PDB file of N, CA and C in Angstrom:
ATOM      1  N   MET A   1       0.822  -1.191   0.000  1.00  0.00           N
ATOM      2  CA  MET A   1       0.000   0.000   0.000  1.00  0.00           C
ATOM      3  C   MET A   1       0.866   1.256   0.000  1.00  0.00           C
ATOM      4  N   THR A   2       2.019   1.194   0.651  1.00  0.00           N
ATOM      5  CA  THR A   2       2.914   2.348   0.678  1.00  0.00           C
ATOM      6  C   THR A   2       3.416   2.669  -0.721  1.00  0.00           C
ATOM      7  N   ALA A   3       3.783   1.631  -1.481  1.00  0.00           N
ATOM      8  CA  ALA A   3       4.221   1.859  -2.851  1.00  0.00           C
ATOM      9  C   ALA A   3       3.080   2.421  -3.695  1.00  0.00           C
ATOM     10  N   PHE A   4       1.882   1.934  -3.460  1.00  0.00           N
ATOM     11  CA  PHE A   4       0.699   2.413  -4.167  1.00  0.00           C
ATOM     12  C   PHE A   4       0.498   3.904  -3.902  1.00  0.00           C
ATOM     13  N   LEU A   5       0.565   4.302  -2.644  1.00  0.00           N
ATOM     14  CA  LEU A   5       0.384   5.706  -2.277  1.00  0.00           C
ATOM     15  C   LEU A   5       1.544   6.572  -2.766  1.00  0.00           C
ATOM     16  N   THR A   6       2.757   6.021  -2.724  1.00  0.00           N
ATOM     17  CA  THR A   6       3.925   6.780  -3.177  1.00  0.00           C
ATOM     18  C   THR A   6       3.851   7.047  -4.676  1.00  0.00           C
ATOM     19  N   PHE A   7       3.426   6.058  -5.436  1.00  0.00           N
ATOM     20  CA  PHE A   7       3.381   6.199  -6.887  1.00  0.00           C
ATOM     21  C   PHE A   7       2.229   7.089  -7.339  1.00  0.00           C
ATOM     22  N   HIS A   8       1.093   7.037  -6.660  1.00  0.00           N
ATOM     23  CA  HIS A   8      -0.106   7.765  -7.093  1.00  0.00           C
ATOM     24  C   HIS A   8      -0.436   8.960  -6.204  1.00  0.00           C
ATOM     25  N   TRP A   9       0.529   9.509  -5.500  1.00  0.00           N
ATOM     26  CA  TRP A   9       0.236  10.595  -4.577  1.00  0.00           C
ATOM     27  C   TRP A   9      -0.349  11.814  -5.295  1.00  0.00           C
ATOM     28  N   GLY A  10       0.080  12.084  -6.496  1.00  0.00           N
ATOM     29  CA  GLY A  10      -0.439  13.234  -7.236  1.00  0.00           C
ATOM     30  C   GLY A  10      -1.918  13.097  -7.561  1.00  0.00           C
ATOM     31  N   TRP A  11      -2.298  11.901  -8.048  1.00  0.00           N
ATOM     32  CA  TRP A  11      -3.696  11.652  -8.365  1.00  0.00           C
ATOM     33  C   TRP A  11      -4.557  11.680  -7.108  1.00  0.00           C
ATOM     34  N   LEU A  12      -4.046  11.132  -6.031  1.00  0.00           N
ATOM     35  CA  LEU A  12      -4.808  11.106  -4.781  1.00  0.00           C
ATOM     36  C   LEU A  12      -4.955  12.507  -4.195  1.00  0.00           C
ATOM     37  N   THR A  13      -3.904  13.309  -4.309  1.00  0.00           N
ATOM     38  CA  THR A  13      -3.983  14.690  -3.851  1.00  0.00           C
ATOM     39  C   THR A  13      -4.984  15.477  -4.687  1.00  0.00           C
ATOM     40  N   GLY A  14      -4.975  15.226  -6.006  1.00  0.00           N
ATOM     41  CA  GLY A  14      -5.948  15.882  -6.881  1.00  0.00           C
ATOM     42  C   GLY A  14      -7.372  15.508  -6.526  1.00  0.00           C
ATOM     43  N   ALA A  15      -7.607  14.228  -6.243  1.00  0.00           N
ATOM     44  CA  ALA A  15      -8.951  13.785  -5.846  1.00  0.00           C
ATOM     45  C   ALA A  15      -9.366  14.432  -4.527  1.00  0.00           C
ATOM     46  N   LEU A  16      -8.429  14.517  -3.591  1.00  0.00           N
ATOM     47  CA  LEU A  16      -8.721  15.143  -2.299  1.00  0.00           C
ATOM     48  C   LEU A  16      -9.048  16.625  -2.478  1.00  0.00           C
ATOM     49  N   LEU A  17      -8.264  17.335  -3.297  1.00  0.00           N
ATOM     50  CA  LEU A  17      -8.508  18.764  -3.513  1.00  0.00           C
ATOM     51  C   LEU A  17      -9.807  19.009  -4.277  1.00  0.00           C
ATOM     52  N   LEU A  18     -10.110  18.144  -5.242  1.00  0.00           N
ATOM     53  CA  LEU A  18     -11.377  18.266  -5.959  1.00  0.00           C
ATOM     54  C   LEU A  18     -12.543  18.034  -5.001  1.00  0.00           C
ATOM     55  N   GLY A  19     -12.417  17.053  -4.130  1.00  0.00           N
ATOM     56  CA  GLY A  19     -13.446  16.811  -3.128  1.00  0.00           C
ATOM     57  C   GLY A  19     -13.581  17.986  -2.170  1.00  0.00           C
ATOM     58  N   LEU A  20     -12.458  18.579  -1.793  1.00  0.00           N
ATOM     59  CA  LEU A  20     -12.481  19.752  -0.921  1.00  0.00           C
ATOM     60  C   LEU A  20     -13.262  20.886  -1.577  1.00  0.00           C
ATOM     61  N   ALA A  21     -12.997  21.124  -2.854  1.00  0.00           N
ATOM     62  CA  ALA A  21     -13.705  22.189  -3.579  1.00  0.00           C
ATOM     63  C   ALA A  21     -15.195  21.869  -3.707  1.00  0.00           C
ATOM     64  N   MET A  22     -15.530  20.639  -4.026  1.00  0.00           N
ATOM     65  CA  MET A  22     -16.938  20.272  -4.176  1.00  0.00           C
ATOM     66  C   MET A  22     -17.673  20.306  -2.835  1.00  0.00           C
ATOM     67  N   GLY A  23     -16.989  19.921  -1.758  1.00  0.00           N
ATOM     68  CA  GLY A  23     -17.597  20.016  -0.435  1.00  0.00           C
ATOM     69  C   GLY A  23     -17.842  21.456  -0.035  1.00  0.00           C
ATOM     70  N   TRP A  24     -16.933  22.336  -0.395  1.00  0.00           N
ATOM     71  CA  TRP A  24     -17.080  23.763  -0.095  1.00  0.00           C
ATOM     72  C   TRP A  24     -18.272  24.339  -0.851  1.00  0.00           C
ATOM     73  N   ILE A  25     -18.437  23.956  -2.105  1.00  0.00           N
ATOM     74  CA  ILE A  25     -19.515  24.482  -2.936  1.00  0.00           C
ATOM     75  C   ILE A  25     -20.862  23.879  -2.549  1.00  0.00           C
ATOM     76  N   SER A  26     -20.891  22.605  -2.224  1.00  0.00           N
ATOM     77  CA  SER A  26     -22.160  21.898  -2.056  1.00  0.00           C
ATOM     78  C   SER A  26     -22.951  22.311  -0.830  1.00  0.00           C
ATOM     79  N   VAL A  27     -22.352  22.980   0.116  1.00  0.00           N
ATOM     80  CA  VAL A  27     -23.093  23.392   1.316  1.00  0.00           C
ATOM     81  C   VAL A  27     -24.179  24.391   0.961  1.00  0.00           C
ATOM     82  N   VAL A  28     -23.929  25.234  -0.027  1.00  0.00           N
ATOM     83  CA  VAL A  28     -24.898  26.263  -0.385  1.00  0.00           C
ATOM     84  C   VAL A  28     -25.884  25.788  -1.437  1.00  0.00           C
ATOM     85  N   GLN A  29     -25.800  24.563  -1.863  1.00  0.00           N
ATOM     86  CA  GLN A  29     -26.716  24.012  -2.852  1.00  0.00           C
ATOM     87  C   GLN A  29     -28.002  23.613  -2.165  1.00  0.00           C
ATOM     88  N   HIS A  30     -29.113  24.012  -2.709  1.00  0.00           N
ATOM     89  CA  HIS A  30     -30.405  23.760  -2.078  1.00  0.00           C
ATOM     90  C   HIS A  30     -31.234  22.769  -2.892  1.00  0.00           C
ATOM     91  N   GLY A  31     -30.625  21.716  -3.356  1.00  0.00           N
ATOM     92  CA  GLY A  31     -31.321  20.736  -4.181  1.00  0.00           C
ATOM     93  C   GLY A  31     -32.130  19.756  -3.357  1.00  0.00           C
ATOM     94  N   GLU A  32     -32.820  18.893  -4.059  1.00  0.00           N
ATOM     95  CA  GLU A  32     -33.682  17.897  -3.434  1.00  0.00           C
ATOM     96  C   GLU A  32     -32.887  16.778  -2.776  1.00  0.00           C
ATOM     97  N   GLY A  33     -31.777  16.382  -3.352  1.00  0.00           N
ATOM     98  CA  GLY A  33     -31.024  15.254  -2.834  1.00  0.00           C
ATOM     99  C   GLY A  33     -31.500  13.956  -3.458  1.00  0.00           C
ATOM    100  N   LEU A  34     -30.975  12.854  -2.999  1.00  0.00           N
ATOM    101  CA  LEU A  34     -31.330  11.546  -3.523  1.00  0.00           C
ATOM    102  C   LEU A  34     -32.509  10.967  -2.750  1.00  0.00           C
ATOM    103  N   SER A  35     -33.294  10.179  -3.448  1.00  0.00           N
ATOM    104  CA  SER A  35     -34.374   9.478  -2.754  1.00  0.00           C
ATOM    105  C   SER A  35     -33.772   8.339  -1.930  1.00  0.00           C
ATOM    106  N   LYS A  36     -34.545   7.824  -1.004  1.00  0.00           N
ATOM    107  CA  LYS A  36     -34.057   6.751  -0.140  1.00  0.00           C
ATOM    108  C   LYS A  36     -33.732   5.503  -0.961  1.00  0.00           C
ATOM    109  N   LYS A  37     -34.557   5.196  -1.934  1.00  0.00           N
ATOM    110  CA  LYS A  37     -34.351   4.024  -2.789  1.00  0.00           C
ATOM    111  C   LYS A  37     -33.060   4.163  -3.594  1.00  0.00           C
ATOM    112  N   THR A  38     -32.822   5.333  -4.167  1.00  0.00           N
ATOM    113  CA  THR A  38     -31.608   5.569  -4.948  1.00  0.00           C
ATOM    114  C   THR A  38     -30.371   5.469  -4.069  1.00  0.00           C
ATOM    115  N   ALA A  39     -30.437   6.028  -2.873  1.00  0.00           N
ATOM    116  CA  ALA A  39     -29.303   5.951  -1.950  1.00  0.00           C
ATOM    117  C   ALA A  39     -29.009   4.503  -1.559  1.00  0.00           C
ATOM    118  N   GLN A  40     -30.038   3.700  -1.381  1.00  0.00           N
ATOM    119  CA  GLN A  40     -29.842   2.293  -1.042  1.00  0.00           C
ATOM    120  C   GLN A  40     -29.202   1.530  -2.201  1.00  0.00           C
ATOM    121  N   VAL A  41     -29.629   1.820  -3.423  1.00  0.00           N
ATOM    122  CA  VAL A  41     -29.052   1.152  -4.595  1.00  0.00           C
ATOM    123  C   VAL A  41     -27.578   1.534  -4.743  1.00  0.00           C
ATOM    124  N   ILE A  42     -27.256   2.802  -4.562  1.00  0.00           N
ATOM    125  CA  ILE A  42     -25.864   3.246  -4.662  1.00  0.00           C
ATOM    126  C   ILE A  42     -25.020   2.591  -3.573  1.00  0.00           C
ATOM    127  N   ALA A  43     -25.544   2.514  -2.361  1.00  0.00           N
ATOM    128  CA  ALA A  43     -24.806   1.875  -1.260  1.00  0.00           C
ATOM    129  C   ALA A  43     -24.575   0.398  -1.554  1.00  0.00           C
ATOM    130  N   LEU A  44     -25.573  -0.282  -2.098  1.00  0.00           N
ATOM    131  CA  LEU A  44     -25.429  -1.694  -2.444  1.00  0.00           C
ATOM    132  C   LEU A  44     -24.368  -1.902  -3.518  1.00  0.00           C
ATOM    133  N   VAL A  45     -24.388  -1.071  -4.540  1.00  0.00           N
ATOM    134  CA  VAL A  45     -23.380  -1.168  -5.606  1.00  0.00           C
ATOM    135  C   VAL A  45     -21.985  -0.925  -5.041  1.00  0.00           C
ATOM    136  N   LEU A  46     -21.855   0.059  -4.167  1.00  0.00           N
ATOM    137  CA  LEU A  46     -20.554   0.356  -3.573  1.00  0.00           C
ATOM    138  C   LEU A  46     -20.065  -0.804  -2.712  1.00  0.00           C
ATOM    139  N   VAL A  47     -20.953  -1.424  -1.941  1.00  0.00           N
ATOM    140  CA  VAL A  47     -20.580  -2.576  -1.118  1.00  0.00           C
ATOM    141  C   VAL A  47     -20.122  -3.733  -2.005  1.00  0.00           C
ATOM    142  N   ILE A  48     -20.817  -3.966  -3.103  1.00  0.00           N
ATOM    143  CA  ILE A  48     -20.436  -5.041  -4.025  1.00  0.00           C
ATOM    144  C   ILE A  48     -19.071  -4.758  -4.645  1.00  0.00           C
ATOM    145  N   VAL A  49     -18.839  -3.532  -5.079  1.00  0.00           N
ATOM    146  CA  VAL A  49     -17.554  -3.186  -5.707  1.00  0.00           C
ATOM    147  C   VAL A  49     -16.411  -3.313  -4.705  1.00  0.00           C
ATOM    148  N   VAL A  50     -16.606  -2.855  -3.486  1.00  0.00           N
ATOM    149  CA  VAL A  50     -15.562  -2.995  -2.464  1.00  0.00           C
ATOM    150  C   VAL A  50     -15.331  -4.469  -2.149  1.00  0.00           C
ATOM    151  N   GLY A  51     -16.395  -5.255  -2.097  1.00  0.00           N
ATOM    152  CA  GLY A  51     -16.245  -6.687  -1.869  1.00  0.00           C
ATOM    153  C   GLY A  51     -15.451  -7.368  -2.979  1.00  0.00           C
ATOM    154  N   VAL A  52     -15.711  -6.976  -4.219  1.00  0.00           N
ATOM    155  CA  VAL A  52     -14.955  -7.521  -5.354  1.00  0.00           C
ATOM    156  C   VAL A  52     -13.486  -7.129  -5.247  1.00  0.00           C
ATOM    157  N   ALA A  53     -13.215  -5.889  -4.859  1.00  0.00           N
ATOM    158  CA  ALA A  53     -11.824  -5.436  -4.749  1.00  0.00           C
ATOM    159  C   ALA A  53     -11.104  -6.148  -3.614  1.00  0.00           C
ATOM    160  N   VAL A  54     -11.765  -6.310  -2.471  1.00  0.00           N
ATOM    161  CA  VAL A  54     -11.125  -6.951  -1.318  1.00  0.00           C
ATOM    162  C   VAL A  54     -10.871  -8.431  -1.580  1.00  0.00           C
ATOM    163  N   SER A  55     -11.797  -9.084  -2.272  1.00  0.00           N
ATOM    164  CA  SER A  55     -11.630 -10.516  -2.534  1.00  0.00           C
ATOM    165  C   SER A  55     -10.722 -10.800  -3.729  1.00  0.00           C
ATOM    166  N   ARG A  56     -10.259  -9.778  -4.383  1.00  0.00           N
ATOM    167  CA  ARG A  56      -9.330  -9.897  -5.521  1.00  0.00           C
ATOM    168  C   ARG A  56      -9.905 -10.760  -6.641  1.00  0.00           C
ATOM    169  N   VAL A  57     -11.185 -10.588  -6.937  1.00  0.00           N
ATOM    170  CA  VAL A  57     -11.834 -11.326  -8.017  1.00  0.00           C
ATOM    171  C   VAL A  57     -11.319 -10.847  -9.375  1.00  0.00           C
ATOM    172  N   VAL A  58     -11.058  -9.560  -9.509  1.00  0.00           N
ATOM    173  CA  VAL A  58     -10.580  -8.991 -10.771  1.00  0.00           C
ATOM    174  C   VAL A  58      -9.048  -9.007 -10.746  1.00  0.00           C
ATOM    175  N   PRO A  59      -8.419  -9.820 -11.606  1.00  0.00           N
ATOM    176  CA  PRO A  59      -6.964  -9.927 -11.572  1.00  0.00           C
ATOM    177  C   PRO A  59      -6.279  -8.884 -12.467  1.00  0.00           C
ATOM    178  N   GLY A  60      -4.991  -8.713 -12.249  1.00  0.00           N
ATOM    179  CA  GLY A  60      -4.150  -7.925 -13.143  1.00  0.00           C
ATOM    180  C   GLY A  60      -4.416  -6.443 -13.132  1.00  0.00           C
ATOM    181  N   ARG A  61      -4.198  -5.862 -14.312  1.00  0.00           N
ATOM    182  CA  ARG A  61      -4.324  -4.416 -14.468  1.00  0.00           C
ATOM    183  C   ARG A  61      -5.730  -3.901 -14.168  1.00  0.00           C
ATOM    184  N   PRO A  62      -6.802  -4.549 -14.634  1.00  0.00           N
ATOM    185  CA  PRO A  62      -8.138  -4.045 -14.268  1.00  0.00           C
ATOM    186  C   PRO A  62      -8.389  -4.044 -12.756  1.00  0.00           C
ATOM    187  N   GLY A  63      -7.864  -5.035 -12.044  1.00  0.00           N
ATOM    188  CA  GLY A  63      -7.987  -5.050 -10.593  1.00  0.00           C
ATOM    189  C   GLY A  63      -7.221  -3.906  -9.950  1.00  0.00           C
ATOM    190  N   TYR A  64      -6.058  -3.591 -10.515  1.00  0.00           N
ATOM    191  CA  TYR A  64      -5.262  -2.470 -10.027  1.00  0.00           C
ATOM    192  C   TYR A  64      -6.016  -1.158 -10.248  1.00  0.00           C
ATOM    193  N   TRP A  65      -6.634  -1.007 -11.416  1.00  0.00           N
ATOM    194  CA  TRP A  65      -7.426   0.188 -11.697  1.00  0.00           C
ATOM    195  C   TRP A  65      -8.623   0.290 -10.755  1.00  0.00           C
ATOM    196  N   LEU A  66      -9.228  -0.845 -10.452  1.00  0.00           N
ATOM    197  CA  LEU A  66     -10.353  -0.855  -9.507  1.00  0.00           C
ATOM    198  C   LEU A  66      -9.897  -0.378  -8.132  1.00  0.00           C
ATOM    199  N   ASP A  67      -8.753  -0.896  -7.676  1.00  0.00           N
ATOM    200  CA  ASP A  67      -8.215  -0.458  -6.381  1.00  0.00           C
ATOM    201  C   ASP A  67      -7.901   1.033  -6.398  1.00  0.00           C
ATOM    202  N   LEU A  68      -7.270   1.491  -7.476  1.00  0.00           N
ATOM    203  CA  LEU A  68      -6.934   2.911  -7.589  1.00  0.00           C
ATOM    204  C   LEU A  68      -8.193   3.767  -7.596  1.00  0.00           C
ATOM    205  N   GLY A  69      -9.202   3.341  -8.329  1.00  0.00           N
ATOM    206  CA  GLY A  69     -10.457   4.092  -8.369  1.00  0.00           C
ATOM    207  C   GLY A  69     -11.127   4.176  -7.010  1.00  0.00           C
ATOM    208  N   LEU A  70     -11.112   3.079  -6.280  1.00  0.00           N
ATOM    209  CA  LEU A  70     -11.730   3.091  -4.950  1.00  0.00           C
ATOM    210  C   LEU A  70     -10.966   3.977  -3.974  1.00  0.00           C
ATOM    211  N   VAL A  71      -9.638   3.941  -4.041  1.00  0.00           N
ATOM    212  CA  VAL A  71      -8.844   4.795  -3.148  1.00  0.00           C
ATOM    213  C   VAL A  71      -9.036   6.263  -3.525  1.00  0.00           C
ATOM    214  N   MET A  72      -9.099   6.549  -4.826  1.00  0.00           N
ATOM    215  CA  MET A  72      -9.338   7.933  -5.248  1.00  0.00           C
ATOM    216  C   MET A  72     -10.733   8.404  -4.841  1.00  0.00           C
ATOM    217  N   PHE A  73     -11.725   7.508  -4.930  1.00  0.00           N
ATOM    218  CA  PHE A  73     -13.077   7.848  -4.509  1.00  0.00           C
ATOM    219  C   PHE A  73     -13.116   8.134  -3.004  1.00  0.00           C
ATOM    220  N   ALA A  74     -12.384   7.332  -2.234  1.00  0.00           N
ATOM    221  CA  ALA A  74     -12.315   7.569  -0.786  1.00  0.00           C
ATOM    222  C   ALA A  74     -11.659   8.913  -0.491  1.00  0.00           C
ATOM    223  N   ALA A  75     -10.575   9.239  -1.218  1.00  0.00           N
ATOM    224  CA  ALA A  75      -9.911  10.537  -1.030  1.00  0.00           C
ATOM    225  C   ALA A  75     -10.859  11.676  -1.390  1.00  0.00           C
ATOM    226  N   TYR A  76     -11.621  11.495  -2.455  1.00  0.00           N
ATOM    227  CA  TYR A  76     -12.599  12.503  -2.866  1.00  0.00           C
ATOM    228  C   TYR A  76     -13.662  12.710  -1.780  1.00  0.00           C
ATOM    229  N   LEU A  77     -14.186  11.618  -1.236  1.00  0.00           N
ATOM    230  CA  LEU A  77     -15.206  11.727  -0.191  1.00  0.00           C
ATOM    231  C   LEU A  77     -14.657  12.377   1.077  1.00  0.00           C
ATOM    232  N   ILE A  78     -13.424  12.057   1.425  1.00  0.00           N
ATOM    233  CA  ILE A  78     -12.799  12.696   2.585  1.00  0.00           C
ATOM    234  C   ILE A  78     -12.660  14.200   2.338  1.00  0.00           C
ATOM    235  N   GLY A  79     -12.235  14.568   1.131  1.00  0.00           N
ATOM    236  CA  GLY A  79     -12.145  15.988   0.787  1.00  0.00           C
ATOM    237  C   GLY A  79     -13.493  16.670   0.835  1.00  0.00           C
ATOM    238  N   CYS A  80     -14.544  15.986   0.353  1.00  0.00           N
ATOM    239  CA  CYS A  80     -15.900  16.546   0.417  1.00  0.00           C
ATOM    240  C   CYS A  80     -16.319  16.806   1.858  1.00  0.00           C
ATOM    241  N   ALA A  81     -16.049  15.858   2.729  1.00  0.00           N
ATOM    242  CA  ALA A  81     -16.429  16.009   4.138  1.00  0.00           C
ATOM    243  C   ALA A  81     -15.679  17.172   4.787  1.00  0.00           C
ATOM    244  N   ILE A  82     -14.391  17.284   4.511  1.00  0.00           N
ATOM    245  CA  ILE A  82     -13.600  18.370   5.090  1.00  0.00           C
ATOM    246  C   ILE A  82     -14.061  19.722   4.552  1.00  0.00           C
ATOM    247  N   GLY A  83     -14.254  19.823   3.234  1.00  0.00           N
ATOM    248  CA  GLY A  83     -14.702  21.079   2.631  1.00  0.00           C
ATOM    249  C   GLY A  83     -16.064  21.504   3.134  1.00  0.00           C
ATOM    250  N   SER A  84     -16.965  20.556   3.262  1.00  0.00           N
ATOM    251  CA  SER A  84     -18.301  20.858   3.759  1.00  0.00           C
ATOM    252  C   SER A  84     -18.256  21.331   5.206  1.00  0.00           C
ATOM    253  N   ALA A  85     -17.445  20.668   6.021  1.00  0.00           N
ATOM    254  CA  ALA A  85     -17.332  21.064   7.430  1.00  0.00           C
ATOM    255  C   ALA A  85     -16.705  22.447   7.569  1.00  0.00           C
ATOM    256  N   LEU A  86     -15.690  22.733   6.760  1.00  0.00           N
ATOM    257  CA  LEU A  86     -15.059  24.056   6.826  1.00  0.00           C
ATOM    258  C   LEU A  86     -16.026  25.149   6.402  1.00  0.00           C
ATOM    259  N   ARG A  87     -16.758  24.908   5.327  1.00  0.00           N
ATOM    260  CA  ARG A  87     -17.714  25.905   4.856  1.00  0.00           C
ATOM    261  C   ARG A  87     -18.828  26.111   5.879  1.00  0.00           C
ATOM    262  N   ASP A  88     -19.319  25.035   6.458  1.00  0.00           N
ATOM    263  CA  ASP A  88     -20.373  25.129   7.467  1.00  0.00           C
ATOM    264  C   ASP A  88     -19.887  25.925   8.673  1.00  0.00           C
ATOM    265  N   ARG A  89     -18.667  25.660   9.094  1.00  0.00           N
ATOM    266  CA  ARG A  89     -18.109  26.386  10.239  1.00  0.00           C
ATOM    267  C   ARG A  89     -17.950  27.873   9.916  1.00  0.00           C
ATOM    268  N   LEU A  90     -17.494  28.199   8.699  1.00  0.00           N
ATOM    269  CA  LEU A  90     -17.319  29.596   8.303  1.00  0.00           C
ATOM    270  C   LEU A  90     -18.656  30.319   8.247  1.00  0.00           C
ATOM    271  N   VAL A  91     -19.658  29.693   7.634  1.00  0.00           N
ATOM    272  CA  VAL A  91     -20.975  30.323   7.519  1.00  0.00           C
ATOM    273  C   VAL A  91     -21.604  30.485   8.904  1.00  0.00           C
ATOM    274  N   ALA A  92     -21.485  29.479   9.762  1.00  0.00           N
ATOM    275  CA  ALA A  92     -22.056  29.575  11.107  1.00  0.00           C
ATOM    276  C   ALA A  92     -21.396  30.699  11.898  1.00  0.00           C
ATOM    277  N   ARG A  93     -20.080  30.844  11.735  1.00  0.00           N
ATOM    278  CA  ARG A  93     -19.377  31.909  12.456  1.00  0.00           C
ATOM    279  C   ARG A  93     -19.817  33.280  11.951  1.00  0.00           C
ATOM    280  N   GLN A  94     -20.032  33.420  10.625  1.00  0.00           N
ATOM    281  CA  GLN A  94     -20.449  34.705  10.086  1.00  0.00           C
ATOM    282  C   GLN A  94     -21.891  35.036  10.456  1.00  0.00           C
ATOM    283  N   ILE A  95     -22.747  34.018  10.541  1.00  0.00           N
ATOM    284  CA  ILE A  95     -24.124  34.258  10.978  1.00  0.00           C
ATOM    285  C   ILE A  95     -24.134  34.694  12.440  1.00  0.00           C
ATOM    286  N   ALA A  96     -23.308  34.049  13.271  1.00  0.00           N
ATOM    287  CA  ALA A  96     -23.246  34.410  14.691  1.00  0.00           C
ATOM    288  C   ALA A  96     -22.709  35.824  14.880  1.00  0.00           C
ATOM    289  N   ALA A  97     -21.802  36.245  14.006  1.00  0.00           N
ATOM    290  CA  ALA A  97     -21.241  37.588  14.113  1.00  0.00           C
ATOM    291  C   ALA A  97     -22.172  38.639  13.516  1.00  0.00           C
ATOM    292  N   GLY A  98     -23.246  38.218  12.855  1.00  0.00           N
ATOM    293  CA  GLY A  98     -24.201  39.161  12.289  1.00  0.00           C
ATOM    294  C   GLY A  98     -23.822  39.672  10.921  1.00  0.00           C
ATOM    295  N   ARG A  99     -22.812  39.077  10.282  1.00  0.00           N
ATOM    296  CA  ARG A  99     -22.385  39.540   8.962  1.00  0.00           C
ATOM    297  C   ARG A  99     -23.283  39.001   7.847  1.00  0.00           C
ATOM    298  N   ILE A 100     -23.928  37.880   8.086  1.00  0.00           N
ATOM    299  CA  ILE A 100     -24.828  37.295   7.097  1.00  0.00           C
ATOM    300  C   ILE A 100     -26.212  37.239   7.724  1.00  0.00           C
ATOM    301  N   PRO A 101     -27.181  37.925   7.122  1.00  0.00           N
ATOM    302  CA  PRO A 101     -28.535  37.847   7.679  1.00  0.00           C
ATOM    303  C   PRO A 101     -29.114  36.466   7.431  1.00  0.00           C
ATOM    304  N   VAL A 102     -29.855  35.975   8.409  1.00  0.00           N
ATOM    305  CA  VAL A 102     -30.489  34.667   8.272  1.00  0.00           C
ATOM    306  C   VAL A 102     -31.701  34.838   7.372  1.00  0.00           C
ATOM    307  N   ARG A 103     -31.739  34.064   6.301  1.00  0.00           N
ATOM    308  CA  ARG A 103     -32.782  34.182   5.296  1.00  0.00           C
ATOM    309  C   ARG A 103     -33.868  33.165   5.588  1.00  0.00           C
ATOM    310  N   SER A 104     -35.094  33.613   5.520  1.00  0.00           N
ATOM    311  CA  SER A 104     -36.213  32.664   5.664  1.00  0.00           C
ATOM    312  C   SER A 104     -36.897  32.558   4.299  1.00  0.00           C
ATOM    313  N   ASP A 105     -37.180  31.342   3.911  1.00  0.00           N
ATOM    314  CA  ASP A 105     -37.823  31.118   2.617  1.00  0.00           C
ATOM    315  C   ASP A 105     -39.267  31.578   2.682  1.00  0.00           C
ATOM    316  N   PRO A 106     -39.750  32.239   1.621  1.00  0.00           N
ATOM    317  CA  PRO A 106     -41.150  32.670   1.625  1.00  0.00           C
ATOM    318  C   PRO A 106     -42.056  31.437   1.540  1.00  0.00           C
ATOM    319  N   PRO A 107     -43.237  31.507   2.099  1.00  0.00           N
ATOM    320  CA  PRO A 107     -44.150  30.350   2.026  1.00  0.00           C
ATOM    321  C   PRO A 107     -44.546  30.082   0.570  1.00  0.00           C
ATOM    322  N   LYS A 108     -44.668  28.799   0.273  1.00  0.00           N
ATOM    323  CA  LYS A 108     -45.068  28.419  -1.083  1.00  0.00           C
ATOM    324  C   LYS A 108     -46.580  28.584  -1.233  1.00  0.00           C
ATOM    325  N   SER A 109     -46.966  29.137  -2.343  1.00  0.00           N
ATOM    326  CA  SER A 109     -48.399  29.340  -2.571  1.00  0.00           C
ATOM    327  C   SER A 109     -49.020  28.063  -3.099  1.00  0.00           C
ATOM    328  N   ALA A 110     -50.240  27.828  -2.705  1.00  0.00           N
ATOM    329  CA  ALA A 110     -50.955  26.627  -3.169  1.00  0.00           C
ATOM    330  C   ALA A 110     -51.447  26.890  -4.580  1.00  0.00           C
ATOM    331  N   SER A 111     -51.092  26.010  -5.494  1.00  0.00           N
ATOM    332  CA  SER A 111     -51.522  26.191  -6.896  1.00  0.00           C
ATOM    333  C   SER A 111     -52.489  25.146  -7.301  1.00  0.00           C
TER     334      SER A 111
END
């Protein structure tokens, strides 16, 4: 694993920084999010892919790419979590200091 990290440190750093940027941006996004069913399907697929990687079912170069992709995805998710937490902390501090007014959404009209 040390050789893996030593050889791919640039790609892993890029994934971490991209995740950091996306985590910073995503806090202010007001989208719907994923449905419960979609989140369950994604979690199941991820569990299956990690299981395939851990059991070494895919041999050779494709297995190496699978491992690299999973490690890069983990680095991306870690960056997302850090970026989101930093942005949340910054916004909360500015709201507490009174620099950002707290916005309330107008009520939706019945159509």
